[in-house]
Amino acid sequence: MNHLGYLKSALPKKRERWSQDLNKILMSDSLKIGIPYDEDLNLLLLKYKKRSLSNESFGSDIFGLNALIKNLSSCSGNHKAKIYPLKNDFFSGECVIMENEIIGCAFIKRGRSSSKEGLWINGNKID
């Protein structure tokens, strides 16, 4: 089965806001799926909690992160999850799958960065 087909079949039966947004990404023409990998749940939880703290100021530019943290926190034991990196023209992020069901995702809006020509140090351009 291809990755896209698998991800669509792994969407949770209970529809939540994050899963509806994820479905839009899966249906997008510009979707790119990275190489899936396994990750320990405890490490994932730490990673996403740290990401949550660093992304608090972005508000609507992220989705799924808080629900994912809640779902990971409710998992017990030393388990691994399958992570699928995804991106399209508007969002970049990951889906987390356990037992053939997506338990959450974390996406951030793309295009928030900007670049300036030249060498800049401490906000000053060096000529």
N, C-alpha and C. Protein backbone atom coordinates (compact mmCIF):
# COMPACT_ATOMS: atom_id res chain seq x y z
N MET A 1 0.85 -1.18 0.00
CA MET A 1 0.00 0.00 0.00
C MET A 1 0.90 1.24 0.00
N ASN A 2 0.54 2.24 -0.77
CA ASN A 2 1.34 3.45 -0.79
C ASN A 2 1.09 4.26 0.48
N HIS A 3 2.01 5.19 0.77
CA HIS A 3 1.92 5.97 2.00
C HIS A 3 0.62 6.78 2.09
N LEU A 4 0.23 7.43 1.00
CA LEU A 4 -0.98 8.25 1.03
C LEU A 4 -2.22 7.40 1.32
N GLY A 5 -2.33 6.28 0.66
CA GLY A 5 -3.46 5.39 0.89
C GLY A 5 -3.49 4.91 2.34
N TYR A 6 -2.32 4.58 2.87
CA TYR A 6 -2.24 4.13 4.26
C TYR A 6 -2.67 5.24 5.21
N LEU A 7 -2.17 6.46 4.99
CA LEU A 7 -2.52 7.58 5.87
C LEU A 7 -4.01 7.87 5.85
N LYS A 8 -4.61 7.82 4.67
CA LYS A 8 -6.06 8.04 4.59
C LYS A 8 -6.82 6.95 5.34
N SER A 9 -6.37 5.72 5.23
CA SER A 9 -7.05 4.62 5.93
C SER A 9 -6.82 4.68 7.43
N ALA A 10 -5.76 5.37 7.87
CA ALA A 10 -5.44 5.45 9.30
C ALA A 10 -6.07 6.65 9.99
N LEU A 11 -6.81 7.48 9.24
CA LEU A 11 -7.47 8.62 9.88
C LEU A 11 -8.39 8.12 10.99
N PRO A 12 -8.44 8.82 12.13
CA PRO A 12 -9.27 8.34 13.23
C PRO A 12 -10.76 8.37 12.88
N LYS A 13 -11.49 7.42 13.45
CA LYS A 13 -12.94 7.35 13.20
C LYS A 13 -13.65 8.56 13.81
N LYS A 14 -13.18 8.97 14.99
CA LYS A 14 -13.75 10.14 15.66
C LYS A 14 -13.14 11.39 15.03
N ARG A 15 -13.99 12.21 14.44
CA ARG A 15 -13.50 13.41 13.75
C ARG A 15 -13.35 14.57 14.73
N GLU A 16 -12.14 15.07 14.79
CA GLU A 16 -11.84 16.24 15.59
C GLU A 16 -11.33 17.31 14.66
N ARG A 17 -11.18 18.51 15.16
CA ARG A 17 -10.73 19.63 14.33
C ARG A 17 -9.40 19.32 13.64
N TRP A 18 -8.44 18.80 14.41
CA TRP A 18 -7.12 18.53 13.85
C TRP A 18 -7.20 17.48 12.74
N SER A 19 -8.07 16.48 12.89
CA SER A 19 -8.15 15.43 11.87
C SER A 19 -8.81 15.95 10.59
N GLN A 20 -9.71 16.92 10.73
CA GLN A 20 -10.32 17.53 9.55
C GLN A 20 -9.28 18.37 8.80
N ASP A 21 -8.45 19.11 9.56
CA ASP A 21 -7.38 19.89 8.93
C ASP A 21 -6.34 18.97 8.28
N LEU A 22 -6.03 17.87 8.94
CA LEU A 22 -5.10 16.90 8.38
C LEU A 22 -5.64 16.32 7.08
N ASN A 23 -6.92 16.01 7.05
CA ASN A 23 -7.53 15.47 5.84
C ASN A 23 -7.38 16.43 4.67
N LYS A 24 -7.50 17.74 4.92
CA LYS A 24 -7.30 18.74 3.87
C LYS A 24 -5.87 18.68 3.33
N ILE A 25 -4.92 18.49 4.22
CA ILE A 25 -3.52 18.39 3.78
C ILE A 25 -3.33 17.12 2.94
N LEU A 26 -3.91 16.01 3.39
CA LEU A 26 -3.78 14.76 2.65
C LEU A 26 -4.42 14.83 1.27
N MET A 27 -5.41 15.69 1.11
CA MET A 27 -6.09 15.83 -0.18
C MET A 27 -5.42 16.88 -1.08
N SER A 28 -4.44 17.59 -0.58
CA SER A 28 -3.85 18.69 -1.35
C SER A 28 -2.99 18.17 -2.51
N ASP A 29 -3.01 18.91 -3.59
CA ASP A 29 -2.24 18.54 -4.78
C ASP A 29 -0.73 18.67 -4.57
N SER A 30 -0.33 19.54 -3.63
CA SER A 30 1.10 19.78 -3.43
C SER A 30 1.69 18.93 -2.31
N LEU A 31 0.97 17.93 -1.83
CA LEU A 31 1.43 17.09 -0.72
C LEU A 31 2.71 16.34 -1.08
N LYS A 32 3.66 16.38 -0.12
CA LYS A 32 4.89 15.60 -0.23
C LYS A 32 5.02 14.82 1.07
N ILE A 33 5.24 13.52 0.95
CA ILE A 33 5.37 12.64 2.11
C ILE A 33 6.82 12.22 2.24
N GLY A 34 7.39 12.47 3.42
CA GLY A 34 8.77 12.09 3.67
C GLY A 34 8.88 10.61 4.03
N ILE A 35 10.04 10.22 4.44
CA ILE A 35 10.32 8.83 4.80
C ILE A 35 9.85 8.60 6.24
N PRO A 36 8.93 7.67 6.44
CA PRO A 36 8.44 7.40 7.80
C PRO A 36 9.52 6.76 8.67
N TYR A 37 9.44 7.02 9.98
CA TYR A 37 10.40 6.46 10.92
C TYR A 37 9.70 6.16 12.25
N ASP A 38 10.30 5.29 13.05
CA ASP A 38 9.78 4.93 14.36
C ASP A 38 10.41 5.82 15.42
N GLU A 39 9.62 6.16 16.44
CA GLU A 39 10.10 7.02 17.52
C GLU A 39 9.47 6.58 18.83
N ASP A 40 10.23 6.66 19.90
CA ASP A 40 9.75 6.34 21.24
C ASP A 40 8.73 7.39 21.69
N LEU A 41 7.62 6.94 22.30
CA LEU A 41 6.56 7.87 22.71
C LEU A 41 7.03 8.90 23.73
N ASN A 42 7.88 8.48 24.66
CA ASN A 42 8.37 9.42 25.67
C ASN A 42 9.19 10.54 25.04
N LEU A 43 10.02 10.17 24.07
CA LEU A 43 10.82 11.19 23.37
C LEU A 43 9.93 12.10 22.54
N LEU A 44 8.90 11.53 21.91
CA LEU A 44 7.96 12.35 21.14
C LEU A 44 7.26 13.36 22.03
N LEU A 45 6.81 12.91 23.18
CA LEU A 45 6.10 13.80 24.09
C LEU A 45 6.99 14.96 24.51
N LEU A 46 8.24 14.67 24.85
CA LEU A 46 9.18 15.74 25.21
C LEU A 46 9.40 16.71 24.05
N LYS A 47 9.56 16.16 22.86
CA LYS A 47 9.80 16.98 21.67
C LYS A 47 8.62 17.92 21.41
N TYR A 48 7.40 17.38 21.47
CA TYR A 48 6.24 18.20 21.16
C TYR A 48 5.91 19.20 22.27
N LYS A 49 6.21 18.86 23.51
CA LYS A 49 6.03 19.84 24.60
C LYS A 49 6.98 21.01 24.41
N LYS A 50 8.21 20.71 24.04
CA LYS A 50 9.19 21.77 23.79
C LYS A 50 8.76 22.63 22.61
N ARG A 51 8.27 21.97 21.55
CA ARG A 51 7.79 22.70 20.38
C ARG A 51 6.61 23.60 20.73
N SER A 52 5.74 23.11 21.61
CA SER A 52 4.58 23.89 22.03
C SER A 52 5.01 25.18 22.73
N LEU A 53 6.00 25.07 23.59
CA LEU A 53 6.50 26.25 24.30
C LEU A 53 7.12 27.26 23.33
N SER A 54 7.85 26.77 22.34
CA SER A 54 8.51 27.69 21.41
C SER A 54 7.54 28.28 20.38
N ASN A 55 6.38 27.64 20.18
CA ASN A 55 5.43 28.12 19.17
C ASN A 55 4.21 28.83 19.74
N GLU A 56 4.19 29.10 21.05
CA GLU A 56 3.02 29.72 21.66
C GLU A 56 2.62 31.03 21.00
N SER A 57 3.58 31.77 20.53
CA SER A 57 3.29 33.09 19.97
C SER A 57 2.70 33.05 18.56
N PHE A 58 2.64 31.87 17.92
CA PHE A 58 2.19 31.80 16.54
C PHE A 58 0.70 31.54 16.39
N GLY A 59 0.01 31.12 17.46
CA GLY A 59 -1.44 30.97 17.46
C GLY A 59 -1.98 30.13 16.32
N SER A 60 -2.67 30.78 15.38
CA SER A 60 -3.35 30.04 14.32
C SER A 60 -2.40 29.52 13.25
N ASP A 61 -1.12 29.79 13.36
CA ASP A 61 -0.16 29.28 12.39
C ASP A 61 0.21 27.83 12.65
N ILE A 62 -0.30 27.25 13.75
CA ILE A 62 -0.05 25.84 14.05
C ILE A 62 -1.38 25.14 14.27
N PHE A 63 -1.42 23.83 14.03
CA PHE A 63 -2.60 23.07 14.40
C PHE A 63 -2.23 21.66 14.77
N GLY A 64 -3.03 21.06 15.64
CA GLY A 64 -2.87 19.68 16.05
C GLY A 64 -1.93 19.43 17.21
N LEU A 65 -1.07 20.38 17.51
CA LEU A 65 -0.01 20.17 18.49
C LEU A 65 -0.56 19.89 19.89
N ASN A 66 -1.49 20.70 20.37
CA ASN A 66 -2.00 20.51 21.73
C ASN A 66 -2.77 19.20 21.86
N ALA A 67 -3.56 18.85 20.86
CA ALA A 67 -4.29 17.58 20.89
C ALA A 67 -3.32 16.41 20.85
N LEU A 68 -2.24 16.53 20.09
CA LEU A 68 -1.24 15.47 20.02
C LEU A 68 -0.58 15.28 21.37
N ILE A 69 -0.21 16.36 22.03
CA ILE A 69 0.40 16.27 23.36
C ILE A 69 -0.55 15.58 24.33
N LYS A 70 -1.82 15.94 24.27
CA LYS A 70 -2.82 15.31 25.15
C LYS A 70 -2.92 13.82 24.86
N ASN A 71 -2.97 13.44 23.59
CA ASN A 71 -3.08 12.02 23.22
C ASN A 71 -1.82 11.24 23.60
N LEU A 72 -0.65 11.83 23.41
CA LEU A 72 0.59 11.15 23.79
C LEU A 72 0.69 11.00 25.29
N SER A 73 0.21 11.98 26.04
CA SER A 73 0.24 11.92 27.50
C SER A 73 -0.63 10.80 28.03
N SER A 74 -1.69 10.47 27.32
CA SER A 74 -2.60 9.41 27.78
C SER A 74 -2.10 8.01 27.43
N CYS A 75 -1.07 7.91 26.61
CA CYS A 75 -0.50 6.60 26.27
C CYS A 75 0.44 6.16 27.39
N SER A 76 0.32 4.91 27.78
CA SER A 76 1.18 4.42 28.85
C SER A 76 2.12 3.35 28.30
N GLY A 77 3.19 3.17 29.01
CA GLY A 77 4.14 2.14 28.61
C GLY A 77 5.23 2.67 27.70
N ASN A 78 6.14 1.77 27.37
CA ASN A 78 7.28 2.12 26.54
C ASN A 78 7.00 1.64 25.12
N HIS A 79 6.27 2.44 24.36
CA HIS A 79 5.86 2.06 23.01
C HIS A 79 6.55 2.94 21.98
N LYS A 80 6.49 2.50 20.76
CA LYS A 80 6.99 3.29 19.64
C LYS A 80 5.82 3.65 18.74
N ALA A 81 5.97 4.77 18.06
CA ALA A 81 4.98 5.22 17.10
C ALA A 81 5.67 5.41 15.76
N LYS A 82 4.89 5.36 14.70
CA LYS A 82 5.40 5.61 13.35
C LYS A 82 5.12 7.07 13.04
N ILE A 83 6.15 7.78 12.60
CA ILE A 83 6.03 9.20 12.27
C ILE A 83 6.12 9.36 10.75
N TYR A 84 5.16 10.11 10.21
CA TYR A 84 5.15 10.40 8.77
C TYR A 84 5.34 11.91 8.59
N PRO A 85 6.50 12.34 8.11
CA PRO A 85 6.69 13.76 7.79
C PRO A 85 5.87 14.13 6.55
N LEU A 86 5.16 15.25 6.62
CA LEU A 86 4.32 15.71 5.51
C LEU A 86 4.53 17.20 5.31
N LYS A 87 4.37 17.64 4.06
CA LYS A 87 4.33 19.08 3.79
C LYS A 87 3.56 19.31 2.50
N ASN A 88 2.99 20.49 2.42
CA ASN A 88 2.39 20.96 1.17
C ASN A 88 2.81 22.41 1.00
N ASP A 89 2.17 23.12 0.11
CA ASP A 89 2.58 24.50 -0.13
C ASP A 89 2.32 25.42 1.06
N PHE A 90 1.48 24.99 2.00
CA PHE A 90 1.08 25.87 3.09
C PHE A 90 1.51 25.42 4.48
N PHE A 91 1.62 24.11 4.71
CA PHE A 91 1.96 23.59 6.03
C PHE A 91 3.05 22.54 5.95
N SER A 92 3.77 22.41 7.07
CA SER A 92 4.80 21.39 7.21
C SER A 92 4.63 20.76 8.59
N GLY A 93 4.73 19.43 8.67
CA GLY A 93 4.56 18.80 9.96
C GLY A 93 4.66 17.30 9.90
N GLU A 94 4.02 16.66 10.88
CA GLU A 94 4.11 15.21 11.03
C GLU A 94 2.79 14.62 11.50
N CYS A 95 2.56 13.37 11.12
CA CYS A 95 1.46 12.55 11.64
C CYS A 95 2.08 11.49 12.53
N VAL A 96 1.39 11.17 13.62
CA VAL A 96 1.86 10.13 14.53
C VAL A 96 0.85 8.99 14.49
N ILE A 97 1.34 7.78 14.21
CA ILE A 97 0.47 6.61 14.06
C ILE A 97 0.86 5.53 15.06
N MET A 98 -0.17 5.01 15.73
CA MET A 98 -0.01 3.85 16.61
C MET A 98 -1.11 2.86 16.28
N GLU A 99 -0.74 1.61 16.18
CA GLU A 99 -1.70 0.54 15.91
C GLU A 99 -2.59 0.86 14.71
N ASN A 100 -1.97 1.35 13.65
CA ASN A 100 -2.64 1.64 12.38
C ASN A 100 -3.71 2.72 12.46
N GLU A 101 -3.60 3.62 13.44
CA GLU A 101 -4.50 4.77 13.52
C GLU A 101 -3.71 6.02 13.85
N ILE A 102 -4.03 7.10 13.18
CA ILE A 102 -3.36 8.37 13.46
C ILE A 102 -3.88 8.88 14.80
N ILE A 103 -2.97 9.06 15.76
CA ILE A 103 -3.38 9.55 17.07
C ILE A 103 -3.21 11.05 17.20
N GLY A 104 -2.57 11.65 16.22
CA GLY A 104 -2.40 13.10 16.24
C GLY A 104 -1.45 13.57 15.17
N CYS A 105 -1.35 14.89 15.10
CA CYS A 105 -0.44 15.51 14.14
C CYS A 105 0.01 16.85 14.69
N ALA A 106 1.05 17.38 14.13
CA ALA A 106 1.55 18.70 14.50
C ALA A 106 2.03 19.39 13.23
N PHE A 107 1.38 20.50 12.88
CA PHE A 107 1.71 21.24 11.67
C PHE A 107 1.90 22.71 11.98
N ILE A 108 2.79 23.31 11.23
CA ILE A 108 3.04 24.73 11.34
C ILE A 108 2.98 25.34 9.95
N LYS A 109 2.47 26.54 9.87
CA LYS A 109 2.33 27.21 8.58
C LYS A 109 3.70 27.52 8.01
N ARG A 110 3.87 27.25 6.72
CA ARG A 110 5.13 27.53 6.04
C ARG A 110 5.17 28.99 5.61
N GLY A 111 6.37 29.46 5.36
CA GLY A 111 6.54 30.81 4.82
C GLY A 111 6.62 31.90 5.86
N ARG A 112 6.87 31.53 7.12
CA ARG A 112 6.98 32.55 8.16
C ARG A 112 8.36 33.16 8.20
N SER A 113 9.33 32.51 7.61
CA SER A 113 10.70 33.03 7.65
C SER A 113 10.91 34.05 6.53
N SER A 114 11.89 34.87 6.71
CA SER A 114 12.25 35.85 5.68
C SER A 114 13.77 35.92 5.60
N SER A 115 14.26 36.39 4.48
CA SER A 115 15.70 36.51 4.34
C SER A 115 16.05 37.91 3.86
N LYS A 116 17.26 38.31 4.20
CA LYS A 116 17.78 39.61 3.79
C LYS A 116 19.12 39.37 3.11
N GLU A 117 19.39 40.15 2.09
CA GLU A 117 20.67 40.02 1.41
C GLU A 117 21.79 40.56 2.28
N GLY A 118 22.95 39.96 2.14
CA GLY A 118 24.12 40.44 2.86
C GLY A 118 24.35 39.72 4.17
N LEU A 119 25.37 40.17 4.88
CA LEU A 119 25.74 39.61 6.16
C LEU A 119 25.19 40.51 7.27
N TRP A 120 24.41 39.94 8.17
CA TRP A 120 23.80 40.68 9.27
C TRP A 120 24.27 40.10 10.59
N ILE A 121 24.70 40.96 11.49
CA ILE A 121 25.10 40.54 12.83
C ILE A 121 24.40 41.45 13.84
N ASN A 122 23.65 40.83 14.75
CA ASN A 122 22.90 41.56 15.78
C ASN A 122 22.02 42.66 15.17
N GLY A 123 21.38 42.39 14.06
CA GLY A 123 20.47 43.35 13.45
C GLY A 123 21.14 44.43 12.63
N ASN A 124 22.45 44.38 12.49
CA ASN A 124 23.19 45.38 11.72
C ASN A 124 23.80 44.73 10.48
N LYS A 125 23.60 45.39 9.34
CA LYS A 125 24.18 44.86 8.11
C LYS A 125 25.65 45.21 8.03
N ILE A 126 26.44 44.20 7.71
CA ILE A 126 27.89 44.37 7.57
C ILE A 126 28.18 44.48 6.08
N ASP A 127 28.75 45.61 5.66
CA ASP A 127 29.06 45.83 4.25
C ASP A 127 30.40 45.28 3.87
